[in-house]
């Protein structure tokens, strides 16, 4: 039986004071080699904007954890973020243990 994947789902852009704590959660999952992914939706995609914390972009660039998004504007996604269509997103959510933050 395949190991169940953890899916850290970020729907809302966290407050500045919460971003570091969230990043630590994600890095802990990556460090433990737990089967985990991040799903970033809606306004939370701006975590990866050039003006935001460079640590989030480094997370993607270094491939520490799979980062996925269902953003409508796929052109705005940074390289390394995998776009998902609605059906793929639903399947991933159903097959994962979801941690909503």
PDB file of N, CA and C in Angstrom:
ATOM      1  N   UNK A   1       0.840  -1.172   0.000  1.00  0.00           N
ATOM      2  CA  UNK A   1       0.000   0.000   0.000  1.00  0.00           C
ATOM      3  C   UNK A   1       0.887   1.237   0.000  1.00  0.00           C
ATOM      4  N   UNK A   2       0.567   2.179  -0.860  1.00  0.00           N
ATOM      5  CA  UNK A   2       1.371   3.392  -0.987  1.00  0.00           C
ATOM      6  C   UNK A   2       1.202   4.276   0.239  1.00  0.00           C
ATOM      7  N   UNK A   3       2.280   4.942   0.576  1.00  0.00           N
ATOM      8  CA  UNK A   3       2.270   5.857   1.710  1.00  0.00           C
ATOM      9  C   UNK A   3       1.404   7.074   1.371  1.00  0.00           C
ATOM     10  N   UNK A   4       0.561   7.484   2.293  1.00  0.00           N
ATOM     11  CA  UNK A   4      -0.334   8.622   2.053  1.00  0.00           C
ATOM     12  C   UNK A   4       0.473   9.923   2.092  1.00  0.00           C
ATOM     13  N   UNK A   5       0.209  10.772   1.141  1.00  0.00           N
ATOM     14  CA  UNK A   5       0.905  12.050   0.992  1.00  0.00           C
ATOM     15  C   UNK A   5       0.262  13.098   1.891  1.00  0.00           C
ATOM     16  N   UNK A   6       1.098  13.956   2.490  1.00  0.00           N
ATOM     17  CA  UNK A   6       0.616  15.132   3.208  1.00  0.00           C
ATOM     18  C   UNK A   6       0.541  16.273   2.208  1.00  0.00           C
ATOM     19  N   UNK A   7      -0.530  17.017   2.259  1.00  0.00           N
ATOM     20  CA  UNK A   7      -0.717  18.158   1.383  1.00  0.00           C
ATOM     21  C   UNK A   7      -0.933  19.389   2.250  1.00  0.00           C
ATOM     22  N   UNK A   8       0.023  20.288   2.216  1.00  0.00           N
ATOM     23  CA  UNK A   8      -0.086  21.540   2.956  1.00  0.00           C
ATOM     24  C   UNK A   8      -0.766  22.531   2.016  1.00  0.00           C
ATOM     25  N   UNK A   9      -2.004  22.869   2.325  1.00  0.00           N
ATOM     26  CA  UNK A   9      -2.806  23.712   1.438  1.00  0.00           C
ATOM     27  C   UNK A   9      -2.834  25.137   1.995  1.00  0.00           C
ATOM     28  N   UNK A  10      -2.347  26.069   1.186  1.00  0.00           N
ATOM     29  CA  UNK A  10      -2.298  27.477   1.579  1.00  0.00           C
ATOM     30  C   UNK A  10      -3.265  28.227   0.672  1.00  0.00           C
ATOM     31  N   UNK A  11      -4.398  28.654   1.243  1.00  0.00           N
ATOM     32  CA  UNK A  11      -5.433  29.327   0.468  1.00  0.00           C
ATOM     33  C   UNK A  11      -5.388  30.848   0.609  1.00  0.00           C
ATOM     34  N   UNK A  12      -4.857  31.316   1.720  1.00  0.00           N
ATOM     35  CA  UNK A  12      -4.840  32.747   2.019  1.00  0.00           C
ATOM     36  C   UNK A  12      -3.410  33.151   2.317  1.00  0.00           C
ATOM     37  N   UNK A  13      -3.025  34.311   1.836  1.00  0.00           N
ATOM     38  CA  UNK A  13      -1.683  34.813   2.099  1.00  0.00           C
ATOM     39  C   UNK A  13      -1.518  35.017   3.601  1.00  0.00           C
ATOM     40  N   UNK A  14      -0.577  34.317   4.216  1.00  0.00           N
ATOM     41  CA  UNK A  14      -0.391  34.461   5.665  1.00  0.00           C
ATOM     42  C   UNK A  14       0.121  35.856   6.016  1.00  0.00           C
ATOM     43  N   UNK A  15      -0.213  36.291   7.219  1.00  0.00           N
ATOM     44  CA  UNK A  15       0.324  37.549   7.724  1.00  0.00           C
ATOM     45  C   UNK A  15       1.842  37.441   7.795  1.00  0.00           C
ATOM     46  N   UNK A  16       2.509  38.553   7.691  1.00  0.00           N
ATOM     47  CA  UNK A  16       3.983  38.554   7.713  1.00  0.00           C
ATOM     48  C   UNK A  16       4.529  37.768   8.891  1.00  0.00           C
ATOM     49  N   UNK A  17       3.944  37.944  10.054  1.00  0.00           N
ATOM     50  CA  UNK A  17       4.469  37.282  11.265  1.00  0.00           C
ATOM     51  C   UNK A  17       4.282  35.762  11.228  1.00  0.00           C
ATOM     52  N   UNK A  18       3.340  35.282  10.399  1.00  0.00           N
ATOM     53  CA  UNK A  18       3.067  33.844  10.314  1.00  0.00           C
ATOM     54  C   UNK A  18       3.833  33.137   9.203  1.00  0.00           C
ATOM     55  N   UNK A  19       4.422  33.891   8.302  1.00  0.00           N
ATOM     56  CA  UNK A  19       5.084  33.266   7.149  1.00  0.00           C
ATOM     57  C   UNK A  19       6.291  32.433   7.549  1.00  0.00           C
ATOM     58  N   UNK A  20       7.074  32.911   8.511  1.00  0.00           N
ATOM     59  CA  UNK A  20       8.253  32.166   8.939  1.00  0.00           C
ATOM     60  C   UNK A  20       7.852  30.845   9.579  1.00  0.00           C
ATOM     61  N   UNK A  21       6.812  30.871  10.407  1.00  0.00           N
ATOM     62  CA  UNK A  21       6.335  29.651  11.055  1.00  0.00           C
ATOM     63  C   UNK A  21       5.831  28.637  10.022  1.00  0.00           C
ATOM     64  N   UNK A  22       5.124  29.129   9.026  1.00  0.00           N
ATOM     65  CA  UNK A  22       4.644  28.260   7.954  1.00  0.00           C
ATOM     66  C   UNK A  22       5.813  27.679   7.166  1.00  0.00           C
ATOM     67  N   UNK A  23       6.783  28.511   6.880  1.00  0.00           N
ATOM     68  CA  UNK A  23       7.968  28.042   6.164  1.00  0.00           C
ATOM     69  C   UNK A  23       8.685  26.952   6.967  1.00  0.00           C
ATOM     70  N   UNK A  24       8.760  27.105   8.284  1.00  0.00           N
ATOM     71  CA  UNK A  24       9.395  26.092   9.134  1.00  0.00           C
ATOM     72  C   UNK A  24       8.633  24.768   9.085  1.00  0.00           C
ATOM     73  N   UNK A  25       7.296  24.832   9.033  1.00  0.00           N
ATOM     74  CA  UNK A  25       6.493  23.612   8.892  1.00  0.00           C
ATOM     75  C   UNK A  25       6.822  22.897   7.588  1.00  0.00           C
ATOM     76  N   UNK A  26       6.895  23.658   6.519  1.00  0.00           N
ATOM     77  CA  UNK A  26       7.186  23.093   5.207  1.00  0.00           C
ATOM     78  C   UNK A  26       8.595  22.501   5.178  1.00  0.00           C
ATOM     79  N   UNK A  27       9.550  23.211   5.727  1.00  0.00           N
ATOM     80  CA  UNK A  27      10.928  22.715   5.756  1.00  0.00           C
ATOM     81  C   UNK A  27      11.058  21.469   6.627  1.00  0.00           C
ATOM     82  N   UNK A  28      10.288  21.391   7.700  1.00  0.00           N
ATOM     83  CA  UNK A  28      10.308  20.190   8.544  1.00  0.00           C
ATOM     84  C   UNK A  28       9.824  18.987   7.751  1.00  0.00           C
ATOM     85  N   UNK A  29       8.759  19.156   6.995  1.00  0.00           N
ATOM     86  CA  UNK A  29       8.252  18.055   6.168  1.00  0.00           C
ATOM     87  C   UNK A  29       9.295  17.637   5.144  1.00  0.00           C
ATOM     88  N   UNK A  30       9.964  18.617   4.533  1.00  0.00           N
ATOM     89  CA  UNK A  30      10.991  18.306   3.534  1.00  0.00           C
ATOM     90  C   UNK A  30      12.184  17.612   4.176  1.00  0.00           C
ATOM     91  N   UNK A  31      12.577  18.054   5.341  1.00  0.00           N
ATOM     92  CA  UNK A  31      13.733  17.477   6.033  1.00  0.00           C
ATOM     93  C   UNK A  31      13.481  16.038   6.448  1.00  0.00           C
ATOM     94  N   UNK A  32      12.261  15.739   6.835  1.00  0.00           N
ATOM     95  CA  UNK A  32      11.915  14.382   7.274  1.00  0.00           C
ATOM     96  C   UNK A  32      11.692  13.434   6.104  1.00  0.00           C
ATOM     97  N   UNK A  33      11.831  13.937   4.895  1.00  0.00           N
ATOM     98  CA  UNK A  33      11.559  13.149   3.700  1.00  0.00           C
ATOM     99  C   UNK A  33      10.165  12.545   3.721  1.00  0.00           C
ATOM    100  N   UNK A  34       9.251  13.261   4.366  1.00  0.00           N
ATOM    101  CA  UNK A  34       7.856  12.827   4.363  1.00  0.00           C
ATOM    102  C   UNK A  34       7.293  13.083   2.967  1.00  0.00           C
ATOM    103  N   UNK A  35       6.445  12.183   2.491  1.00  0.00           N
ATOM    104  CA  UNK A  35       5.825  12.445   1.188  1.00  0.00           C
ATOM    105  C   UNK A  35       4.865  13.623   1.349  1.00  0.00           C
ATOM    106  N   UNK A  36       5.275  14.786   0.889  1.00  0.00           N
ATOM    107  CA  UNK A  36       4.487  15.999   1.103  1.00  0.00           C
ATOM    108  C   UNK A  36       4.579  16.917  -0.103  1.00  0.00           C
ATOM    109  N   UNK A  37       3.531  17.704  -0.254  1.00  0.00           N
ATOM    110  CA  UNK A  37       3.467  18.717  -1.297  1.00  0.00           C
ATOM    111  C   UNK A  37       2.812  19.956  -0.699  1.00  0.00           C
ATOM    112  N   UNK A  38       2.993  21.067  -1.383  1.00  0.00           N
ATOM    113  CA  UNK A  38       2.309  22.301  -1.020  1.00  0.00           C
ATOM    114  C   UNK A  38       1.360  22.628  -2.160  1.00  0.00           C
ATOM    115  N   UNK A  39       0.128  22.965  -1.819  1.00  0.00           N
ATOM    116  CA  UNK A  39      -0.840  23.445  -2.795  1.00  0.00           C
ATOM    117  C   UNK A  39      -1.140  24.895  -2.455  1.00  0.00           C
ATOM    118  N   UNK A  40      -0.774  25.794  -3.348  1.00  0.00           N
ATOM    119  CA  UNK A  40      -0.970  27.226  -3.136  1.00  0.00           C
ATOM    120  C   UNK A  40      -2.083  27.696  -4.060  1.00  0.00           C
ATOM    121  N   UNK A  41      -3.101  28.320  -3.479  1.00  0.00           N
ATOM    122  CA  UNK A  41      -4.248  28.772  -4.263  1.00  0.00           C
ATOM    123  C   UNK A  41      -4.523  30.246  -4.002  1.00  0.00           C
ATOM    124  N   UNK A  42      -5.345  30.818  -4.854  1.00  0.00           N
ATOM    125  CA  UNK A  42      -5.810  32.187  -4.651  1.00  0.00           C
ATOM    126  C   UNK A  42      -4.704  33.193  -4.438  1.00  0.00           C
ATOM    127  N   UNK A  43      -4.956  34.110  -3.509  1.00  0.00           N
ATOM    128  CA  UNK A  43      -3.994  35.187  -3.238  1.00  0.00           C
ATOM    129  C   UNK A  43      -2.691  34.683  -2.625  1.00  0.00           C
ATOM    130  N   UNK A  44      -2.682  33.470  -2.123  1.00  0.00           N
ATOM    131  CA  UNK A  44      -1.472  32.922  -1.511  1.00  0.00           C
ATOM    132  C   UNK A  44      -0.338  32.764  -2.519  1.00  0.00           C
ATOM    133  N   UNK A  45      -0.665  32.748  -3.815  1.00  0.00           N
ATOM    134  CA  UNK A  45       0.361  32.638  -4.855  1.00  0.00           C
ATOM    135  C   UNK A  45       1.363  33.791  -4.756  1.00  0.00           C
ATOM    136  N   UNK A  46       0.936  34.906  -4.177  1.00  0.00           N
ATOM    137  CA  UNK A  46       1.848  36.048  -4.058  1.00  0.00           C
ATOM    138  C   UNK A  46       2.979  35.796  -3.062  1.00  0.00           C
ATOM    139  N   UNK A  47       2.966  34.656  -2.373  1.00  0.00           N
ATOM    140  CA  UNK A  47       4.113  34.267  -1.542  1.00  0.00           C
ATOM    141  C   UNK A  47       5.393  34.233  -2.378  1.00  0.00           C
ATOM    142  N   UNK A  48       5.244  33.965  -3.656  1.00  0.00           N
ATOM    143  CA  UNK A  48       6.397  33.773  -4.523  1.00  0.00           C
ATOM    144  C   UNK A  48       6.762  35.013  -5.328  1.00  0.00           C
ATOM    145  N   UNK A  49       6.069  36.132  -5.079  1.00  0.00           N
ATOM    146  CA  UNK A  49       6.389  37.371  -5.785  1.00  0.00           C
ATOM    147  C   UNK A  49       7.798  37.834  -5.439  1.00  0.00           C
ATOM    148  N   UNK A  50       8.362  38.608  -6.331  1.00  0.00           N
ATOM    149  CA  UNK A  50       9.738  39.062  -6.139  1.00  0.00           C
ATOM    150  C   UNK A  50       9.903  39.908  -4.884  1.00  0.00           C
ATOM    151  N   UNK A  51       8.846  40.564  -4.411  1.00  0.00           N
ATOM    152  CA  UNK A  51       8.963  41.393  -3.219  1.00  0.00           C
ATOM    153  C   UNK A  51       8.818  40.623  -1.924  1.00  0.00           C
ATOM    154  N   UNK A  52       8.444  39.359  -2.002  1.00  0.00           N
ATOM    155  CA  UNK A  52       8.234  38.585  -0.786  1.00  0.00           C
ATOM    156  C   UNK A  52       9.533  37.928  -0.333  1.00  0.00           C
ATOM    157  N   UNK A  53       9.429  37.194   0.739  1.00  0.00           N
ATOM    158  CA  UNK A  53      10.583  36.530   1.335  1.00  0.00           C
ATOM    159  C   UNK A  53      11.248  35.585   0.334  1.00  0.00           C
ATOM    160  N   UNK A  54      12.532  35.760   0.133  1.00  0.00           N
ATOM    161  CA  UNK A  54      13.285  34.948  -0.828  1.00  0.00           C
ATOM    162  C   UNK A  54      13.313  33.473  -0.426  1.00  0.00           C
ATOM    163  N   UNK A  55      13.065  33.171   0.824  1.00  0.00           N
ATOM    164  CA  UNK A  55      13.102  31.778   1.282  1.00  0.00           C
ATOM    165  C   UNK A  55      12.071  30.924   0.566  1.00  0.00           C
ATOM    166  N   UNK A  56      10.907  31.490   0.281  1.00  0.00           N
ATOM    167  CA  UNK A  56       9.868  30.733  -0.420  1.00  0.00           C
ATOM    168  C   UNK A  56      10.311  30.414  -1.832  1.00  0.00           C
ATOM    169  N   UNK A  57      10.936  31.360  -2.502  1.00  0.00           N
ATOM    170  CA  UNK A  57      11.423  31.108  -3.866  1.00  0.00           C
ATOM    171  C   UNK A  57      12.554  30.080  -3.849  1.00  0.00           C
ATOM    172  N   UNK A  58      13.421  30.138  -2.837  1.00  0.00           N
ATOM    173  CA  UNK A  58      14.509  29.167  -2.725  1.00  0.00           C
ATOM    174  C   UNK A  58      13.962  27.764  -2.510  1.00  0.00           C
ATOM    175  N   UNK A  59      12.891  27.655  -1.766  1.00  0.00           N
ATOM    176  CA  UNK A  59      12.255  26.363  -1.531  1.00  0.00           C
ATOM    177  C   UNK A  59      11.891  25.703  -2.853  1.00  0.00           C
ATOM    178  N   UNK A  60      11.365  26.507  -3.768  1.00  0.00           N
ATOM    179  CA  UNK A  60      10.978  26.002  -5.086  1.00  0.00           C
ATOM    180  C   UNK A  60      12.215  25.710  -5.923  1.00  0.00           C
ATOM    181  N   UNK A  61      13.117  26.668  -5.991  1.00  0.00           N
ATOM    182  CA  UNK A  61      14.298  26.547  -6.844  1.00  0.00           C
ATOM    183  C   UNK A  61      15.161  25.351  -6.468  1.00  0.00           C
ATOM    184  N   UNK A  62      15.237  25.043  -5.181  1.00  0.00           N
ATOM    185  CA  UNK A  62      16.068  23.932  -4.731  1.00  0.00           C
ATOM    186  C   UNK A  62      15.323  22.607  -4.740  1.00  0.00           C
ATOM    187  N   UNK A  63      14.044  22.642  -5.082  1.00  0.00           N
ATOM    188  CA  UNK A  63      13.270  21.400  -5.188  1.00  0.00           C
ATOM    189  C   UNK A  63      13.128  20.655  -3.887  1.00  0.00           C
ATOM    190  N   UNK A  64      13.043  21.377  -2.772  1.00  0.00           N
ATOM    191  CA  UNK A  64      12.954  20.720  -1.475  1.00  0.00           C
ATOM    192  C   UNK A  64      11.614  20.025  -1.247  1.00  0.00           C
ATOM    193  N   UNK A  65      10.569  20.527  -1.913  1.00  0.00           N
ATOM    194  CA  UNK A  65       9.239  19.954  -1.768  1.00  0.00           C
ATOM    195  C   UNK A  65       8.455  20.310  -3.030  1.00  0.00           C
ATOM    196  N   UNK A  66       7.533  19.443  -3.419  1.00  0.00           N
ATOM    197  CA  UNK A  66       6.705  19.732  -4.593  1.00  0.00           C
ATOM    198  C   UNK A  66       5.779  20.896  -4.276  1.00  0.00           C
ATOM    199  N   UNK A  67       5.741  21.877  -5.157  1.00  0.00           N
ATOM    200  CA  UNK A  67       4.848  23.028  -4.998  1.00  0.00           C
ATOM    201  C   UNK A  67       3.917  23.046  -6.200  1.00  0.00           C
ATOM    202  N   UNK A  68       2.621  23.061  -5.908  1.00  0.00           N
ATOM    203  CA  UNK A  68       1.597  23.010  -6.942  1.00  0.00           C
ATOM    204  C   UNK A  68       0.656  24.197  -6.768  1.00  0.00           C
ATOM    205  N   UNK A  69       0.000  24.586  -7.853  1.00  0.00           N
ATOM    206  CA  UNK A  69      -0.967  25.673  -7.769  1.00  0.00           C
ATOM    207  C   UNK A  69      -2.050  25.495  -8.815  1.00  0.00           C
ATOM    208  N   UNK A  70      -3.236  25.961  -8.462  1.00  0.00           N
ATOM    209  CA  UNK A  70      -4.337  25.967  -9.414  1.00  0.00           C
ATOM    210  C   UNK A  70      -4.649  27.397  -9.845  1.00  0.00           C
ATOM    211  N   UNK A  71      -3.659  28.275  -9.771  1.00  0.00           N
ATOM    212  CA  UNK A  71      -3.844  29.679 -10.138  1.00  0.00           C
ATOM    213  C   UNK A  71      -4.385  29.790 -11.557  1.00  0.00           C
ATOM    214  N   UNK A  72      -5.338  30.691 -11.727  1.00  0.00           N
ATOM    215  CA  UNK A  72      -5.937  30.891 -13.048  1.00  0.00           C
ATOM    216  C   UNK A  72      -4.910  31.413 -14.043  1.00  0.00           C
ATOM    217  N   UNK A  73      -4.023  32.274 -13.575  1.00  0.00           N
ATOM    218  CA  UNK A  73      -2.993  32.849 -14.442  1.00  0.00           C
ATOM    219  C   UNK A  73      -1.715  32.026 -14.298  1.00  0.00           C
ATOM    220  N   UNK A  74      -1.610  30.987 -15.080  1.00  0.00           N
ATOM    221  CA  UNK A  74      -0.448  30.084 -14.984  1.00  0.00           C
ATOM    222  C   UNK A  74       0.852  30.760 -15.378  1.00  0.00           C
ATOM    223  N   UNK A  75       0.756  31.821 -16.168  1.00  0.00           N
ATOM    224  CA  UNK A  75       1.961  32.549 -16.584  1.00  0.00           C
ATOM    225  C   UNK A  75       2.615  33.253 -15.393  1.00  0.00           C
ATOM    226  N   UNK A  76       1.826  33.537 -14.352  1.00  0.00           N
ATOM    227  CA  UNK A  76       2.365  34.248 -13.191  1.00  0.00           C
ATOM    228  C   UNK A  76       3.084  33.315 -12.226  1.00  0.00           C
ATOM    229  N   UNK A  77       2.970  32.018 -12.438  1.00  0.00           N
ATOM    230  CA  UNK A  77       3.620  31.070 -11.532  1.00  0.00           C
ATOM    231  C   UNK A  77       5.118  31.027 -11.784  1.00  0.00           C
ATOM    232  N   UNK A  78       5.902  31.020 -10.730  1.00  0.00           N
ATOM    233  CA  UNK A  78       7.346  30.904 -10.922  1.00  0.00           C
ATOM    234  C   UNK A  78       7.730  29.539 -11.481  1.00  0.00           C
ATOM    235  N   UNK A  79       8.849  29.492 -12.123  1.00  0.00           N
ATOM    236  CA  UNK A  79       9.374  28.232 -12.627  1.00  0.00           C
ATOM    237  C   UNK A  79       9.540  27.284 -11.444  1.00  0.00           C
ATOM    238  N   UNK A  80       9.111  26.054 -11.623  1.00  0.00           N
ATOM    239  CA  UNK A  80       9.216  25.071 -10.556  1.00  0.00           C
ATOM    240  C   UNK A  80       7.901  24.815  -9.847  1.00  0.00           C
ATOM    241  N   UNK A  81       6.919  25.701 -10.032  1.00  0.00           N
ATOM    242  CA  UNK A  81       5.590  25.478  -9.471  1.00  0.00           C
ATOM    243  C   UNK A  81       4.764  24.762 -10.532  1.00  0.00           C
ATOM    244  N   UNK A  82       4.241  23.609 -10.159  1.00  0.00           N
ATOM    245  CA  UNK A  82       3.485  22.794 -11.107  1.00  0.00           C
ATOM    246  C   UNK A  82       2.021  23.245 -11.141  1.00  0.00           C
ATOM    247  N   UNK A  83       1.522  23.627 -12.314  1.00  0.00           N
ATOM    248  CA  UNK A  83       0.115  24.013 -12.402  1.00  0.00           C
ATOM    249  C   UNK A  83      -0.794  22.783 -12.362  1.00  0.00           C
ATOM    250  N   UNK A  84      -1.954  22.945 -11.739  1.00  0.00           N
ATOM    251  CA  UNK A  84      -2.941  21.870 -11.655  1.00  0.00           C
ATOM    252  C   UNK A  84      -4.265  22.343 -12.233  1.00  0.00           C
ATOM    253  N   UNK A  85      -4.931  21.473 -12.957  1.00  0.00           N
ATOM    254  CA  UNK A  85      -6.297  21.794 -13.361  1.00  0.00           C
ATOM    255  C   UNK A  85      -7.230  21.337 -12.232  1.00  0.00           C
ATOM    256  N   UNK A  86      -8.491  21.671 -12.348  1.00  0.00           N
ATOM    257  CA  UNK A  86      -9.460  21.387 -11.287  1.00  0.00           C
ATOM    258  C   UNK A  86      -9.539  19.889 -10.960  1.00  0.00           C
ATOM    259  N   UNK A  87      -9.599  19.065 -11.970  1.00  0.00           N
ATOM    260  CA  UNK A  87      -9.717  17.607 -11.754  1.00  0.00           C
ATOM    261  C   UNK A  87      -8.491  17.048 -11.047  1.00  0.00           C
ATOM    262  N   UNK A  88      -7.319  17.479 -11.465  1.00  0.00           N
ATOM    263  CA  UNK A  88      -6.082  17.000 -10.836  1.00  0.00           C
ATOM    264  C   UNK A  88      -6.006  17.449  -9.381  1.00  0.00           C
ATOM    265  N   UNK A  89      -6.458  18.675  -9.136  1.00  0.00           N
ATOM    266  CA  UNK A  89      -6.452  19.180  -7.761  1.00  0.00           C
ATOM    267  C   UNK A  89      -7.372  18.342  -6.885  1.00  0.00           C
ATOM    268  N   UNK A  90      -8.574  18.079  -7.355  1.00  0.00           N
ATOM    269  CA  UNK A  90      -9.533  17.303  -6.575  1.00  0.00           C
ATOM    270  C   UNK A  90      -8.999  15.901  -6.273  1.00  0.00           C
ATOM    271  N   UNK A  91      -8.388  15.281  -7.249  1.00  0.00           N
ATOM    272  CA  UNK A  91      -7.826  13.941  -7.059  1.00  0.00           C
ATOM    273  C   UNK A  91      -6.711  13.970  -6.015  1.00  0.00           C
ATOM    274  N   UNK A  92      -5.838  14.967  -6.104  1.00  0.00           N
ATOM    275  CA  UNK A  92      -4.741  15.101  -5.147  1.00  0.00           C
ATOM    276  C   UNK A  92      -5.277  15.285  -3.732  1.00  0.00           C
ATOM    277  N   UNK A  93      -6.265  16.140  -3.576  1.00  0.00           N
ATOM    278  CA  UNK A  93      -6.847  16.396  -2.256  1.00  0.00           C
ATOM    279  C   UNK A  93      -7.475  15.131  -1.693  1.00  0.00           C
ATOM    280  N   UNK A  94      -8.176  14.372  -2.514  1.00  0.00           N
ATOM    281  CA  UNK A  94      -8.830  13.141  -2.060  1.00  0.00           C
ATOM    282  C   UNK A  94      -7.824  12.075  -1.635  1.00  0.00           C
ATOM    283  N   UNK A  95      -6.659  12.077  -2.268  1.00  0.00           N
ATOM    284  CA  UNK A  95      -5.661  11.043  -1.994  1.00  0.00           C
ATOM    285  C   UNK A  95      -4.639  11.457  -0.939  1.00  0.00           C
ATOM    286  N   UNK A  96      -4.822  12.608  -0.336  1.00  0.00           N
ATOM    287  CA  UNK A  96      -3.840  13.141   0.601  1.00  0.00           C
ATOM    288  C   UNK A  96      -4.452  13.419   1.962  1.00  0.00           C
ATOM    289  N   UNK A  97      -3.576  13.520   2.931  1.00  0.00           N
ATOM    290  CA  UNK A  97      -3.965  14.047   4.240  1.00  0.00           C
ATOM    291  C   UNK A  97      -3.698  15.543   4.161  1.00  0.00           C
ATOM    292  N   UNK A  98      -4.758  16.333   4.174  1.00  0.00           N
ATOM    293  CA  UNK A  98      -4.651  17.768   3.924  1.00  0.00           C
ATOM    294  C   UNK A  98      -4.469  18.531   5.232  1.00  0.00           C
ATOM    295  N   UNK A  99      -3.478  19.402   5.235  1.00  0.00           N
ATOM    296  CA  UNK A  99      -3.231  20.320   6.342  1.00  0.00           C
ATOM    297  C   UNK A  99      -3.483  21.712   5.792  1.00  0.00           C
ATOM    298  N   UNK A 100      -4.599  22.327   6.182  1.00  0.00           N
ATOM    299  CA  UNK A 100      -4.944  23.664   5.681  1.00  0.00           C
ATOM    300  C   UNK A 100      -4.360  24.715   6.620  1.00  0.00           C
ATOM    301  N   UNK A 101      -3.650  25.644   6.028  1.00  0.00           N
ATOM    302  CA  UNK A 101      -3.048  26.710   6.840  1.00  0.00           C
ATOM    303  C   UNK A 101      -3.489  28.065   6.341  1.00  0.00           C
TER     304      UNK A 101
END
